[in-house]
Amino acid sequence: MLQQGIDYYINEDGNFVFTKEYHLKRGYCCKNKCLHCPWGYGKTESTDNEDTSDVNKK
């Protein structure tokens, strides 16, 4: 049985969002680009040399 706050939470839009703990219990990636995917499916990595702040811009 799923437990709210452990396996999922309900976001501000009223959607169920599965946690990392739930995904690990399930044991496999569903390839739906889940927000808390412990396998990182669908996430892009940013590079260290990518400057997204305005601090160094003149």
C-alpha atoms as a PDB file:
ATOM      1  CA  MET A   1       0.000   0.000   0.000  1.00  0.00           C
ATOM      2  CA  LEU A   2       1.281   3.459  -0.897  1.00  0.00           C
ATOM      3  CA  GLN A   3       1.944   5.889   1.933  1.00  0.00           C
ATOM      4  CA  GLN A   4       1.501   9.608   1.397  1.00  0.00           C
ATOM      5  CA  GLY A   5       4.649  11.541   2.258  1.00  0.00           C
ATOM      6  CA  ILE A   6       6.846   8.473   1.769  1.00  0.00           C
ATOM      7  CA  ASP A   7       5.908   6.997  -1.598  1.00  0.00           C
ATOM      8  CA  TYR A   8       4.196  10.049  -3.076  1.00  0.00           C
ATOM      9  CA  TYR A   9       2.944  13.539  -2.391  1.00  0.00           C
ATOM     10  CA  ILE A  10       0.252  15.658  -3.983  1.00  0.00           C
ATOM     11  CA  ASN A  11       1.564  18.780  -5.687  1.00  0.00           C
ATOM     12  CA  GLU A  12      -0.140  22.174  -5.864  1.00  0.00           C
ATOM     13  CA  ASP A  13      -1.949  21.137  -9.056  1.00  0.00           C
ATOM     14  CA  GLY A  14      -3.479  18.125  -7.301  1.00  0.00           C
ATOM     15  CA  ASN A  15      -1.289  15.567  -9.087  1.00  0.00           C
ATOM     16  CA  PHE A  16       0.293  12.561  -7.393  1.00  0.00           C
ATOM     17  CA  VAL A  17       4.096  12.786  -7.585  1.00  0.00           C
ATOM     18  CA  PHE A  18       6.066   9.633  -6.830  1.00  0.00           C
ATOM     19  CA  THR A  19       9.151  10.019  -4.646  1.00  0.00           C
ATOM     20  CA  LYS A  20      12.613   8.602  -5.219  1.00  0.00           C
ATOM     21  CA  GLU A  21      11.889   6.064  -2.465  1.00  0.00           C
ATOM     22  CA  TYR A  22       8.844   4.764  -4.339  1.00  0.00           C
ATOM     23  CA  HIS A  23      10.774   4.393  -7.578  1.00  0.00           C
ATOM     24  CA  LEU A  24      13.545   2.488  -5.808  1.00  0.00           C
ATOM     25  CA  LYS A  25      10.974   0.148  -4.194  1.00  0.00           C
ATOM     26  CA  ARG A  26       9.438  -0.473  -7.623  1.00  0.00           C
ATOM     27  CA  GLY A  27      12.890  -1.359  -8.889  1.00  0.00           C
ATOM     28  CA  TYR A  28      12.889  -0.198 -12.505  1.00  0.00           C
ATOM     29  CA  CYS A  29      12.631   2.929 -14.632  1.00  0.00           C
ATOM     30  CA  CYS A  30       9.312   3.468 -16.420  1.00  0.00           C
ATOM     31  CA  LYS A  31      10.943   5.948 -18.871  1.00  0.00           C
ATOM     32  CA  ASN A  32       8.255   8.598 -18.305  1.00  0.00           C
ATOM     33  CA  LYS A  33      10.788  11.269 -17.245  1.00  0.00           C
ATOM     34  CA  CYS A  34       9.546  11.284 -13.656  1.00  0.00           C
ATOM     35  CA  LEU A  35      10.494  14.277 -11.524  1.00  0.00           C
ATOM     36  CA  HIS A  36      12.236  12.152  -8.869  1.00  0.00           C
ATOM     37  CA  CYS A  37      13.666   9.412 -11.099  1.00  0.00           C
ATOM     38  CA  PRO A  38      16.656   7.884  -9.281  1.00  0.00           C
ATOM     39  CA  TRP A  39      18.008   6.656 -12.615  1.00  0.00           C
ATOM     40  CA  GLY A  40      18.027  10.153 -14.108  1.00  0.00           C
ATOM     41  CA  TYR A  41      16.052   9.185 -17.199  1.00  0.00           C
ATOM     42  CA  GLY A  42      15.304  12.203 -19.386  1.00  0.00           C
ATOM     43  CA  LYS A  43      17.378  14.647 -17.372  1.00  0.00           C
ATOM     44  CA  THR A  44      20.033  16.713 -19.080  1.00  0.00           C
ATOM     45  CA  GLU A  45      23.268  17.555 -17.329  1.00  0.00           C
ATOM     46  CA  SER A  46      24.514  21.124 -17.348  1.00  0.00           C
ATOM     47  CA  THR A  47      28.190  21.755 -17.969  1.00  0.00           C
ATOM     48  CA  ASP A  48      30.422  23.491 -15.423  1.00  0.00           C
ATOM     49  CA  ASN A  49      31.513  26.160 -17.898  1.00  0.00           C
ATOM     50  CA  GLU A  50      27.943  27.202 -18.562  1.00  0.00           C
ATOM     51  CA  ASP A  51      27.342  30.594 -16.906  1.00  0.00           C
ATOM     52  CA  THR A  52      23.678  31.275 -16.305  1.00  0.00           C
ATOM     53  CA  SER A  53      24.115  34.193 -13.893  1.00  0.00           C
ATOM     54  CA  ASP A  54      24.418  37.870 -14.729  1.00  0.00           C
ATOM     55  CA  VAL A  55      27.223  38.405 -12.186  1.00  0.00           C
ATOM     56  CA  ASN A  56      30.117  38.107 -14.655  1.00  0.00           C
ATOM     57  CA  LYS A  57      28.407  39.837 -17.554  1.00  0.00           C
ATOM     58  CA  LYS A  58      29.290  43.453 -18.358  1.00  0.00           C
END
